[in-house]
PDB file of N, CA and C in Angstrom:
ATOM      1  N   MET A   1       0.808  -1.195   0.000  1.00  0.00           N
ATOM      2  CA  MET A   1       0.000   0.000   0.000  1.00  0.00           C
ATOM      3  C   MET A   1       0.853   1.262   0.000  1.00  0.00           C
ATOM      4  N   LYS A   2       2.123   1.141   0.435  1.00  0.00           N
ATOM      5  CA  LYS A   2       2.948   2.341   0.496  1.00  0.00           C
ATOM      6  C   LYS A   2       3.354   2.832  -0.889  1.00  0.00           C
ATOM      7  N   TYR A   3       3.210   2.016  -1.966  1.00  0.00           N
ATOM      8  CA  TYR A   3       3.573   2.428  -3.307  1.00  0.00           C
ATOM      9  C   TYR A   3       2.391   2.983  -4.103  1.00  0.00           C
ATOM     10  N   LEU A   4       1.198   2.959  -3.548  1.00  0.00           N
ATOM     11  CA  LEU A   4       0.008   3.422  -4.245  1.00  0.00           C
ATOM     12  C   LEU A   4       0.114   4.876  -4.675  1.00  0.00           C
ATOM     13  N   PRO A   5       0.544   5.835  -3.825  1.00  0.00           N
ATOM     14  CA  PRO A   5       0.637   7.217  -4.299  1.00  0.00           C
ATOM     15  C   PRO A   5       1.598   7.372  -5.472  1.00  0.00           C
ATOM     16  N   LEU A   6       2.699   6.628  -5.499  1.00  0.00           N
ATOM     17  CA  LEU A   6       3.635   6.707  -6.613  1.00  0.00           C
ATOM     18  C   LEU A   6       2.976   6.230  -7.898  1.00  0.00           C
ATOM     19  N   LEU A   7       2.223   5.152  -7.838  1.00  0.00           N
ATOM     20  CA  LEU A   7       1.532   4.642  -9.012  1.00  0.00           C
ATOM     21  C   LEU A   7       0.507   5.645  -9.508  1.00  0.00           C
ATOM     22  N   LEU A   8      -0.169   6.326  -8.613  1.00  0.00           N
ATOM     23  CA  LEU A   8      -1.165   7.299  -9.026  1.00  0.00           C
ATOM     24  C   LEU A   8      -0.528   8.518  -9.676  1.00  0.00           C
ATOM     25  N   LEU A   9       0.709   8.849  -9.319  1.00  0.00           N
ATOM     26  CA  LEU A   9       1.373  10.011  -9.893  1.00  0.00           C
ATOM     27  C   LEU A   9       1.961   9.725 -11.269  1.00  0.00           C
ATOM     28  N   VAL A  10       2.482   8.537 -11.494  1.00  0.00           N
ATOM     29  CA  VAL A  10       3.171   8.259 -12.744  1.00  0.00           C
ATOM     30  C   VAL A  10       2.345   7.459 -13.741  1.00  0.00           C
ATOM     31  N   GLY A  11       1.270   6.870 -13.357  1.00  0.00           N
ATOM     32  CA  GLY A  11       0.459   6.102 -14.287  1.00  0.00           C
ATOM     33  C   GLY A  11      -0.493   5.187 -13.559  1.00  0.00           C
ATOM     34  N   CYS A  12      -1.199   4.381 -14.314  1.00  0.00           N
ATOM     35  CA  CYS A  12      -2.095   3.424 -13.698  1.00  0.00           C
ATOM     36  C   CYS A  12      -2.039   2.135 -14.493  1.00  0.00           C
ATOM     37  N   ALA A  13      -2.477   1.058 -13.882  1.00  0.00           N
ATOM     38  CA  ALA A  13      -2.396  -0.243 -14.534  1.00  0.00           C
ATOM     39  C   ALA A  13      -3.659  -1.042 -14.238  1.00  0.00           C
ATOM     40  N   THR A  14      -4.062  -1.857 -15.210  1.00  0.00           N
ATOM     41  CA  THR A  14      -5.163  -2.795 -15.033  1.00  0.00           C
ATOM     42  C   THR A  14      -4.714  -4.154 -15.559  1.00  0.00           C
ATOM     43  N   THR A  15      -5.395  -5.200 -15.146  1.00  0.00           N
ATOM     44  CA  THR A  15      -5.049  -6.554 -15.562  1.00  0.00           C
ATOM     45  C   THR A  15      -6.289  -7.258 -16.098  1.00  0.00           C
ATOM     46  N   GLU A  16      -6.093  -8.081 -17.135  1.00  0.00           N
ATOM     47  CA  GLU A  16      -7.177  -8.896 -17.689  1.00  0.00           C
ATOM     48  C   GLU A  16      -6.631 -10.260 -18.076  1.00  0.00           C
ATOM     49  N   PRO A  17      -7.485 -11.272 -18.221  1.00  0.00           N
ATOM     50  CA  PRO A  17      -7.015 -12.606 -18.613  1.00  0.00           C
ATOM     51  C   PRO A  17      -6.421 -12.591 -20.026  1.00  0.00           C
ATOM     52  N   TYR A  18      -5.376 -13.394 -20.220  1.00  0.00           N
ATOM     53  CA  TYR A  18      -4.764 -13.572 -21.541  1.00  0.00           C
ATOM     54  C   TYR A  18      -5.396 -14.791 -22.183  1.00  0.00           C
ATOM     55  N   THR A  19      -5.856 -14.666 -23.422  1.00  0.00           N
ATOM     56  CA  THR A  19      -6.577 -15.766 -24.069  1.00  0.00           C
ATOM     57  C   THR A  19      -5.845 -16.342 -25.271  1.00  0.00           C
ATOM     58  N   GLY A  20      -4.636 -15.871 -25.564  1.00  0.00           N
ATOM     59  CA  GLY A  20      -3.894 -16.351 -26.730  1.00  0.00           C
ATOM     60  C   GLY A  20      -3.101 -17.613 -26.448  1.00  0.00           C
ATOM     61  N   PRO A  21      -2.274 -18.007 -27.413  1.00  0.00           N
ATOM     62  CA  PRO A  21      -1.459 -19.210 -27.255  1.00  0.00           C
ATOM     63  C   PRO A  21      -0.311 -19.001 -26.274  1.00  0.00           C
ATOM     64  N   PRO A  22       0.223 -20.072 -25.666  1.00  0.00           N
ATOM     65  CA  PRO A  22       1.358 -19.932 -24.759  1.00  0.00           C
ATOM     66  C   PRO A  22       2.607 -19.502 -25.518  1.00  0.00           C
ATOM     67  N   GLY A  23       3.536 -18.876 -24.792  1.00  0.00           N
ATOM     68  CA  GLY A  23       4.771 -18.429 -25.415  1.00  0.00           C
ATOM     69  C   GLY A  23       5.529 -17.452 -24.533  1.00  0.00           C
ATOM     70  N   PRO A  24       6.485 -16.728 -25.116  1.00  0.00           N
ATOM     71  CA  PRO A  24       7.265 -15.757 -24.349  1.00  0.00           C
ATOM     72  C   PRO A  24       6.446 -14.493 -24.066  1.00  0.00           C
ATOM     73  N   PRO A  25       6.915 -13.623 -23.158  1.00  0.00           N
ATOM     74  CA  PRO A  25       6.201 -12.371 -22.869  1.00  0.00           C
ATOM     75  C   PRO A  25       6.039 -11.521 -24.137  1.00  0.00           C
ATOM     76  N   ILE A  26       4.927 -10.820 -24.200  1.00  0.00           N
ATOM     77  CA  ILE A  26       4.605  -9.980 -25.360  1.00  0.00           C
ATOM     78  C   ILE A  26       4.479  -8.537 -24.881  1.00  0.00           C
ATOM     79  N   LEU A  27       5.168  -7.608 -25.543  1.00  0.00           N
ATOM     80  CA  LEU A  27       5.105  -6.179 -25.240  1.00  0.00           C
ATOM     81  C   LEU A  27       4.490  -5.483 -26.440  1.00  0.00           C
ATOM     82  N   ASP A  28       3.360  -4.816 -26.230  1.00  0.00           N
ATOM     83  CA  ASP A  28       2.641  -4.132 -27.297  1.00  0.00           C
ATOM     84  C   ASP A  28       2.149  -2.804 -26.736  1.00  0.00           C
ATOM     85  N   ALA A  29       1.677  -1.913 -27.583  1.00  0.00           N
ATOM     86  CA  ALA A  29       1.193  -0.611 -27.113  1.00  0.00           C
ATOM     87  C   ALA A  29       0.065  -0.112 -27.997  1.00  0.00           C
ATOM     88  N   THR A  30      -0.767   0.736 -27.413  1.00  0.00           N
ATOM     89  CA  THR A  30      -1.829   1.437 -28.125  1.00  0.00           C
ATOM     90  C   THR A  30      -1.641   2.915 -27.864  1.00  0.00           C
ATOM     91  N   GLU A  31      -1.647   3.711 -28.930  1.00  0.00           N
ATOM     92  CA  GLU A  31      -1.489   5.156 -28.772  1.00  0.00           C
ATOM     93  C   GLU A  31      -2.712   5.849 -29.342  1.00  0.00           C
ATOM     94  N   ARG A  32      -3.236   6.798 -28.583  1.00  0.00           N
ATOM     95  CA  ARG A  32      -4.387   7.590 -29.026  1.00  0.00           C
ATOM     96  C   ARG A  32      -3.974   9.054 -29.060  1.00  0.00           C
ATOM     97  N   VAL A  33      -4.377   9.757 -30.127  1.00  0.00           N
ATOM     98  CA  VAL A  33      -4.094  11.190 -30.260  1.00  0.00           C
ATOM     99  C   VAL A  33      -5.417  11.878 -30.562  1.00  0.00           C
ATOM    100  N   TRP A  34      -5.702  12.969 -29.850  1.00  0.00           N
ATOM    101  CA  TRP A  34      -6.934  13.713 -30.081  1.00  0.00           C
ATOM    102  C   TRP A  34      -6.707  15.192 -29.797  1.00  0.00           C
ATOM    103  N   LEU A  35      -7.606  16.023 -30.338  1.00  0.00           N
ATOM    104  CA  LEU A  35      -7.559  17.464 -30.081  1.00  0.00           C
ATOM    105  C   LEU A  35      -8.134  17.727 -28.703  1.00  0.00           C
ATOM    106  N   HIS A  36      -7.501  18.649 -27.968  1.00  0.00           N
ATOM    107  CA  HIS A  36      -7.913  18.898 -26.593  1.00  0.00           C
ATOM    108  C   HIS A  36      -7.918  20.394 -26.315  1.00  0.00           C
ATOM    109  N   GLY A  37      -8.940  20.851 -25.638  1.00  0.00           N
ATOM    110  CA  GLY A  37      -9.001  22.238 -25.188  1.00  0.00           C
ATOM    111  C   GLY A  37      -9.473  23.208 -26.255  1.00  0.00           C
ATOM    112  N   ILE A  38      -9.581  24.464 -25.840  1.00  0.00           N
ATOM    113  CA  ILE A  38     -10.068  25.522 -26.727  1.00  0.00           C
ATOM    114  C   ILE A  38      -9.086  25.780 -27.860  1.00  0.00           C
ATOM    115  N   ASP A  39      -7.790  25.696 -27.573  1.00  0.00           N
ATOM    116  CA  ASP A  39      -6.782  25.971 -28.601  1.00  0.00           C
ATOM    117  C   ASP A  39      -6.564  24.801 -29.560  1.00  0.00           C
ATOM    118  N   GLY A  40      -7.199  23.667 -29.321  1.00  0.00           N
ATOM    119  CA  GLY A  40      -7.120  22.529 -30.224  1.00  0.00           C
ATOM    120  C   GLY A  40      -5.758  21.855 -30.276  1.00  0.00           C
ATOM    121  N   ARG A  41      -5.029  21.878 -29.173  1.00  0.00           N
ATOM    122  CA  ARG A  41      -3.723  21.225 -29.135  1.00  0.00           C
ATOM    123  C   ARG A  41      -3.905  19.706 -29.130  1.00  0.00           C
ATOM    124  N   LEU A  42      -2.952  19.015 -29.736  1.00  0.00           N
ATOM    125  CA  LEU A  42      -3.000  17.562 -29.756  1.00  0.00           C
ATOM    126  C   LEU A  42      -2.585  17.005 -28.403  1.00  0.00           C
ATOM    127  N   ARG A  43      -3.281  16.005 -27.955  1.00  0.00           N
ATOM    128  CA  ARG A  43      -2.962  15.311 -26.711  1.00  0.00           C
ATOM    129  C   ARG A  43      -2.741  13.846 -27.056  1.00  0.00           C
ATOM    130  N   ARG A  44      -1.721  13.239 -26.441  1.00  0.00           N
ATOM    131  CA  ARG A  44      -1.373  11.857 -26.728  1.00  0.00           C
ATOM    132  C   ARG A  44      -1.454  11.021 -25.460  1.00  0.00           C
ATOM    133  N   GLU A  45      -1.994   9.807 -25.611  1.00  0.00           N
ATOM    134  CA  GLU A  45      -2.071   8.858 -24.506  1.00  0.00           C
ATOM    135  C   GLU A  45      -1.541   7.521 -25.013  1.00  0.00           C
ATOM    136  N   THR A  46      -0.580   6.948 -24.275  1.00  0.00           N
ATOM    137  CA  THR A  46       0.004   5.665 -24.662  1.00  0.00           C
ATOM    138  C   THR A  46      -0.234   4.653 -23.547  1.00  0.00           C
ATOM    139  N   VAL A  47      -0.771   3.506 -23.926  1.00  0.00           N
ATOM    140  CA  VAL A  47      -0.989   2.399 -22.998  1.00  0.00           C
ATOM    141  C   VAL A  47      -0.147   1.224 -23.486  1.00  0.00           C
ATOM    142  N   VAL A  48       0.749   0.729 -22.613  1.00  0.00           N
ATOM    143  CA  VAL A  48       1.585  -0.431 -22.930  1.00  0.00           C
ATOM    144  C   VAL A  48       0.885  -1.674 -22.401  1.00  0.00           C
ATOM    145  N   HIS A  49       0.853  -2.724 -23.224  1.00  0.00           N
ATOM    146  CA  HIS A  49       0.228  -3.994 -22.868  1.00  0.00           C
ATOM    147  C   HIS A  49       1.334  -5.033 -22.699  1.00  0.00           C
ATOM    148  N   VAL A  50       1.488  -5.559 -21.483  1.00  0.00           N
ATOM    149  CA  VAL A  50       2.475  -6.598 -21.204  1.00  0.00           C
ATOM    150  C   VAL A  50       1.707  -7.890 -20.959  1.00  0.00           C
ATOM    151  N   SER A  51       1.866  -8.848 -21.882  1.00  0.00           N
ATOM    152  CA  SER A  51       1.156 -10.123 -21.783  1.00  0.00           C
ATOM    153  C   SER A  51       2.104 -11.207 -21.297  1.00  0.00           C
ATOM    154  N   ASN A  52       1.599 -12.023 -20.373  1.00  0.00           N
ATOM    155  CA  ASN A  52       2.346 -13.173 -19.876  1.00  0.00           C
ATOM    156  C   ASN A  52       1.589 -14.427 -20.291  1.00  0.00           C
ATOM    157  N   PRO A  53       1.936 -15.008 -21.456  1.00  0.00           N
ATOM    158  CA  PRO A  53       1.211 -16.189 -21.920  1.00  0.00           C
ATOM    159  C   PRO A  53       1.667 -17.503 -21.299  1.00  0.00           C
ATOM    160  N   SER A  54       2.651 -17.464 -20.418  1.00  0.00           N
ATOM    161  CA  SER A  54       3.160 -18.706 -19.817  1.00  0.00           C
ATOM    162  C   SER A  54       2.382 -19.062 -18.551  1.00  0.00           C
ATOM    163  N   GLU A  55       2.710 -20.209 -17.979  1.00  0.00           N
ATOM    164  CA  GLU A  55       2.052 -20.694 -16.763  1.00  0.00           C
ATOM    165  C   GLU A  55       2.805 -20.272 -15.500  1.00  0.00           C
ATOM    166  N   THR A  56       3.879 -19.491 -15.626  1.00  0.00           N
ATOM    167  CA  THR A  56       4.650 -19.008 -14.467  1.00  0.00           C
ATOM    168  C   THR A  56       4.531 -17.495 -14.376  1.00  0.00           C
ATOM    169  N   PRO A  57       4.584 -16.924 -13.176  1.00  0.00           N
ATOM    170  CA  PRO A  57       4.505 -15.462 -13.030  1.00  0.00           C
ATOM    171  C   PRO A  57       5.675 -14.781 -13.729  1.00  0.00           C
ATOM    172  N   LEU A  58       5.433 -13.586 -14.233  1.00  0.00           N
ATOM    173  CA  LEU A  58       6.461 -12.782 -14.892  1.00  0.00           C
ATOM    174  C   LEU A  58       6.817 -11.603 -13.996  1.00  0.00           C
ATOM    175  N   ASP A  59       8.071 -11.530 -13.575  1.00  0.00           N
ATOM    176  CA  ASP A  59       8.582 -10.377 -12.843  1.00  0.00           C
ATOM    177  C   ASP A  59       9.599  -9.689 -13.747  1.00  0.00           C
ATOM    178  N   ALA A  60       9.339  -8.432 -14.085  1.00  0.00           N
ATOM    179  CA  ALA A  60      10.213  -7.705 -15.009  1.00  0.00           C
ATOM    180  C   ALA A  60      10.148  -6.221 -14.697  1.00  0.00           C
ATOM    181  N   VAL A  61      11.073  -5.488 -15.295  1.00  0.00           N
ATOM    182  CA  VAL A  61      11.093  -4.038 -15.195  1.00  0.00           C
ATOM    183  C   VAL A  61      10.705  -3.485 -16.560  1.00  0.00           C
ATOM    184  N   LEU A  62       9.697  -2.623 -16.585  1.00  0.00           N
ATOM    185  CA  LEU A  62       9.311  -1.934 -17.811  1.00  0.00           C
ATOM    186  C   LEU A  62      10.078  -0.620 -17.819  1.00  0.00           C
ATOM    187  N   ASP A  63      11.060  -0.520 -18.697  1.00  0.00           N
ATOM    188  CA  ASP A  63      11.930   0.648 -18.770  1.00  0.00           C
ATOM    189  C   ASP A  63      11.523   1.479 -19.977  1.00  0.00           C
ATOM    190  N   CYS A  64      11.047   2.704 -19.734  1.00  0.00           N
ATOM    191  CA  CYS A  64      10.587   3.586 -20.807  1.00  0.00           C
ATOM    192  C   CYS A  64      11.446   4.848 -20.837  1.00  0.00           C
ATOM    193  N   SER A  65      11.666   5.347 -22.030  1.00  0.00           N
ATOM    194  CA  SER A  65      12.480   6.544 -22.187  1.00  0.00           C
ATOM    195  C   SER A  65      11.821   7.481 -23.193  1.00  0.00           C
ATOM    196  N   PRO A  66      12.216   8.748 -23.198  1.00  0.00           N
ATOM    197  CA  PRO A  66      11.629   9.709 -24.137  1.00  0.00           C
ATOM    198  C   PRO A  66      12.114   9.460 -25.563  1.00  0.00           C
ATOM    199  N   SER A  67      11.434  10.083 -26.489  1.00  0.00           N
ATOM    200  CA  SER A  67      11.757   9.890 -27.900  1.00  0.00           C
ATOM    201  C   SER A  67      13.034  10.609 -28.310  1.00  0.00           C
ATOM    202  N   GLY A  68      13.488  11.593 -27.547  1.00  0.00           N
ATOM    203  CA  GLY A  68      14.692  12.332 -27.898  1.00  0.00           C
ATOM    204  C   GLY A  68      14.424  13.574 -28.720  1.00  0.00           C
ATOM    205  N   HIS A  69      13.175  13.923 -28.906  1.00  0.00           N
ATOM    206  CA  HIS A  69      12.830  15.115 -29.679  1.00  0.00           C
ATOM    207  C   HIS A  69      12.349  16.214 -28.752  1.00  0.00           C
ATOM    208  N   GLY A  70      12.878  17.401 -28.927  1.00  0.00           N
ATOM    209  CA  GLY A  70      12.395  18.563 -28.192  1.00  0.00           C
ATOM    210  C   GLY A  70      13.064  18.757 -26.844  1.00  0.00           C
ATOM    211  N   HIS A  71      12.933  19.951 -26.312  1.00  0.00           N
ATOM    212  CA  HIS A  71      13.561  20.341 -25.052  1.00  0.00           C
ATOM    213  C   HIS A  71      13.006  19.546 -23.871  1.00  0.00           C
ATOM    214  N   GLN A  72      11.697  19.320 -23.871  1.00  0.00           N
ATOM    215  CA  GLN A  72      11.066  18.645 -22.735  1.00  0.00           C
ATOM    216  C   GLN A  72      11.596  17.217 -22.574  1.00  0.00           C
ATOM    217  N   SER A  73      11.811  16.503 -23.663  1.00  0.00           N
ATOM    218  CA  SER A  73      12.276  15.126 -23.545  1.00  0.00           C
ATOM    219  C   SER A  73      13.714  15.053 -23.048  1.00  0.00           C
ATOM    220  N   LYS A  74      14.522  16.081 -23.293  1.00  0.00           N
ATOM    221  CA  LYS A  74      15.899  16.101 -22.796  1.00  0.00           C
ATOM    222  C   LYS A  74      15.940  16.186 -21.276  1.00  0.00           C
ATOM    223  N   ASN A  75      14.924  16.782 -20.679  1.00  0.00           N
ATOM    224  CA  ASN A  75      14.868  16.949 -19.226  1.00  0.00           C
ATOM    225  C   ASN A  75      14.138  15.800 -18.538  1.00  0.00           C
ATOM    226  N   TRP A  76      13.635  14.843 -19.277  1.00  0.00           N
ATOM    227  CA  TRP A  76      12.870  13.734 -18.705  1.00  0.00           C
ATOM    228  C   TRP A  76      13.700  12.462 -18.793  1.00  0.00           C
ATOM    229  N   PRO A  77      14.122  11.884 -17.671  1.00  0.00           N
ATOM    230  CA  PRO A  77      14.973  10.694 -17.720  1.00  0.00           C
ATOM    231  C   PRO A  77      14.234   9.422 -18.126  1.00  0.00           C
ATOM    232  N   GLY A  78      12.924   9.433 -18.061  1.00  0.00           N
ATOM    233  CA  GLY A  78      12.138   8.236 -18.390  1.00  0.00           C
ATOM    234  C   GLY A  78      11.560   7.600 -17.140  1.00  0.00           C
ATOM    235  N   SER A  79      10.677   6.642 -17.348  1.00  0.00           N
ATOM    236  CA  SER A  79       9.996   5.960 -16.247  1.00  0.00           C
ATOM    237  C   SER A  79      10.435   4.505 -16.192  1.00  0.00           C
ATOM    238  N   ARG A  80      10.489   3.961 -14.982  1.00  0.00           N
ATOM    239  CA  ARG A  80      10.775   2.536 -14.771  1.00  0.00           C
ATOM    240  C   ARG A  80       9.718   1.990 -13.833  1.00  0.00           C
ATOM    241  N   PHE A  81       9.092   0.889 -14.239  1.00  0.00           N
ATOM    242  CA  PHE A  81       8.057   0.246 -13.445  1.00  0.00           C
ATOM    243  C   PHE A  81       8.477  -1.196 -13.189  1.00  0.00           C
ATOM    244  N   THR A  82       8.367  -1.650 -11.959  1.00  0.00           N
ATOM    245  CA  THR A  82       8.556  -3.061 -11.663  1.00  0.00           C
ATOM    246  C   THR A  82       7.189  -3.723 -11.791  1.00  0.00           C
ATOM    247  N   LEU A  83       7.100  -4.708 -12.660  1.00  0.00           N
ATOM    248  CA  LEU A  83       5.825  -5.360 -12.933  1.00  0.00           C
ATOM    249  C   LEU A  83       5.832  -6.794 -12.415  1.00  0.00           C
ATOM    250  N   HIS A  84       4.709  -7.204 -11.883  1.00  0.00           N
ATOM    251  CA  HIS A  84       4.450  -8.600 -11.556  1.00  0.00           C
ATOM    252  C   HIS A  84       3.190  -8.972 -12.330  1.00  0.00           C
ATOM    253  N   VAL A  85       3.362  -9.755 -13.373  1.00  0.00           N
ATOM    254  CA  VAL A  85       2.235 -10.147 -14.211  1.00  0.00           C
ATOM    255  C   VAL A  85       1.938 -11.612 -13.925  1.00  0.00           C
ATOM    256  N   PRO A  86       0.769 -11.917 -13.346  1.00  0.00           N
ATOM    257  CA  PRO A  86       0.412 -13.307 -13.042  1.00  0.00           C
ATOM    258  C   PRO A  86       0.355 -14.157 -14.310  1.00  0.00           C
ATOM    259  N   PRO A  87       0.393 -15.483 -14.166  1.00  0.00           N
ATOM    260  CA  PRO A  87       0.314 -16.368 -15.335  1.00  0.00           C
ATOM    261  C   PRO A  87      -0.968 -16.139 -16.140  1.00  0.00           C
ATOM    262  N   ARG A  88      -0.824 -16.198 -17.470  1.00  0.00           N
ATOM    263  CA  ARG A  88      -1.951 -16.104 -18.408  1.00  0.00           C
ATOM    264  C   ARG A  88      -2.776 -14.830 -18.234  1.00  0.00           C
ATOM    265  N   THR A  89      -2.093 -13.699 -17.987  1.00  0.00           N
ATOM    266  CA  THR A  89      -2.787 -12.414 -17.882  1.00  0.00           C
ATOM    267  C   THR A  89      -2.049 -11.354 -18.715  1.00  0.00           C
ATOM    268  N   THR A  90      -2.751 -10.266 -18.968  1.00  0.00           N
ATOM    269  CA  THR A  90      -2.191  -9.101 -19.649  1.00  0.00           C
ATOM    270  C   THR A  90      -2.343  -7.909 -18.721  1.00  0.00           C
ATOM    271  N   GLN A  91      -1.274  -7.160 -18.545  1.00  0.00           N
ATOM    272  CA  GLN A  91      -1.318  -5.960 -17.718  1.00  0.00           C
ATOM    273  C   GLN A  91      -1.189  -4.747 -18.635  1.00  0.00           C
ATOM    274  N   HIS A  92      -2.049  -3.744 -18.417  1.00  0.00           N
ATOM    275  CA  HIS A  92      -2.064  -2.525 -19.213  1.00  0.00           C
ATOM    276  C   HIS A  92      -1.532  -1.392 -18.339  1.00  0.00           C
ATOM    277  N   VAL A  93      -0.528  -0.661 -18.829  1.00  0.00           N
ATOM    278  CA  VAL A  93       0.100   0.414 -18.063  1.00  0.00           C
ATOM    279  C   VAL A  93      -0.022   1.711 -18.851  1.00  0.00           C
ATOM    280  N   LEU A  94      -0.634   2.738 -18.237  1.00  0.00           N
ATOM    281  CA  LEU A  94      -0.733   4.059 -18.848  1.00  0.00           C
ATOM    282  C   LEU A  94       0.578   4.793 -18.604  1.00  0.00           C
ATOM    283  N   LEU A  95       1.232   5.232 -19.675  1.00  0.00           N
ATOM    284  CA  LEU A  95       2.533   5.885 -19.570  1.00  0.00           C
ATOM    285  C   LEU A  95       2.407   7.386 -19.416  1.00  0.00           C
ATOM    286  N   ASP A  96       3.474   7.989 -18.918  1.00  0.00           N
ATOM    287  CA  ASP A  96       3.605   9.432 -18.929  1.00  0.00           C
ATOM    288  C   ASP A  96       3.692   9.880 -20.387  1.00  0.00           C
ATOM    289  N   PRO A  97       3.094  11.007 -20.766  1.00  0.00           N
ATOM    290  CA  PRO A  97       3.118  11.434 -22.174  1.00  0.00           C
ATOM    291  C   PRO A  97       4.518  11.622 -22.750  1.00  0.00           C
ATOM    292  N   ARG A  98       5.532  11.821 -21.909  1.00  0.00           N
ATOM    293  CA  ARG A  98       6.889  12.026 -22.421  1.00  0.00           C
ATOM    294  C   ARG A  98       7.586  10.717 -22.770  1.00  0.00           C
ATOM    295  N   ASP A  99       7.086   9.582 -22.266  1.00  0.00           N
ATOM    296  CA  ASP A  99       7.708   8.293 -22.544  1.00  0.00           C
ATOM    297  C   ASP A  99       7.271   7.775 -23.912  1.00  0.00           C
ATOM    298  N   HIS A 100       8.221   7.242 -24.672  1.00  0.00           N
ATOM    299  CA  HIS A 100       7.906   6.727 -26.014  1.00  0.00           C
ATOM    300  C   HIS A 100       8.420   5.318 -26.240  1.00  0.00           C
ATOM    301  N   LEU A 101       9.654   5.043 -25.847  1.00  0.00           N
ATOM    302  CA  LEU A 101      10.289   3.762 -26.136  1.00  0.00           C
ATOM    303  C   LEU A 101      10.336   2.924 -24.868  1.00  0.00           C
ATOM    304  N   CYS A 102       9.806   1.703 -24.917  1.00  0.00           N
ATOM    305  CA  CYS A 102       9.764   0.857 -23.728  1.00  0.00           C
ATOM    306  C   CYS A 102      10.372  -0.508 -24.044  1.00  0.00           C
ATOM    307  N   ALA A 103      10.952  -1.111 -23.009  1.00  0.00           N
ATOM    308  CA  ALA A 103      11.525  -2.445 -23.119  1.00  0.00           C
ATOM    309  C   ALA A 103      11.316  -3.183 -21.807  1.00  0.00           C
ATOM    310  N   LEU A 104      11.211  -4.506 -21.881  1.00  0.00           N
ATOM    311  CA  LEU A 104      11.121  -5.347 -20.696  1.00  0.00           C
ATOM    312  C   LEU A 104      12.525  -5.817 -20.310  1.00  0.00           C
ATOM    313  N   LEU A 105      12.925  -5.570 -19.078  1.00  0.00           N
ATOM    314  CA  LEU A 105      14.229  -5.971 -18.576  1.00  0.00           C
ATOM    315  C   LEU A 105      14.042  -6.957 -17.436  1.00  0.00           C
ATOM    316  N   PRO A 106      14.960  -7.898 -17.245  1.00  0.00           N
ATOM    317  CA  PRO A 106      14.834  -8.820 -16.105  1.00  0.00           C
ATOM    318  C   PRO A 106      15.036  -8.083 -14.781  1.00  0.00           C
ATOM    319  N   VAL A 107      14.380  -8.576 -13.746  1.00  0.00           N
ATOM    320  CA  VAL A 107      14.548  -7.989 -12.410  1.00  0.00           C
ATOM    321  C   VAL A 107      15.898  -8.419 -11.893  1.00  0.00           C
ATOM    322  N   GLU A 108      16.659  -7.462 -11.384  1.00  0.00           N
ATOM    323  CA  GLU A 108      18.003  -7.770 -10.860  1.00  0.00           C
ATOM    324  C   GLU A 108      17.971  -7.997  -9.391  1.00  0.00           C
TER     325      GLU A 108
END
């Protein structure tokens, strides 16, 4: 419970059953872009989907970094999330808008 405020500040996650074939972990993403506000500025939302199709729990670090474009991304070091994905489930993680590139790393 002590990590809940941190999760609320940097993103949120949900979990659902995985229904595909067994195999290695799958990292996928969905990006949505829409006009927002009176000035019609574009807003982007990225959700990363980490699927664990195996019968064993997946413990990994989701390491995300900025795209490298613009002043704002130079000042953002990126986000790191420690994930525990139960067997045969998919976890969805909402990223910070500055994060673009993500990879799954083993827990050290």
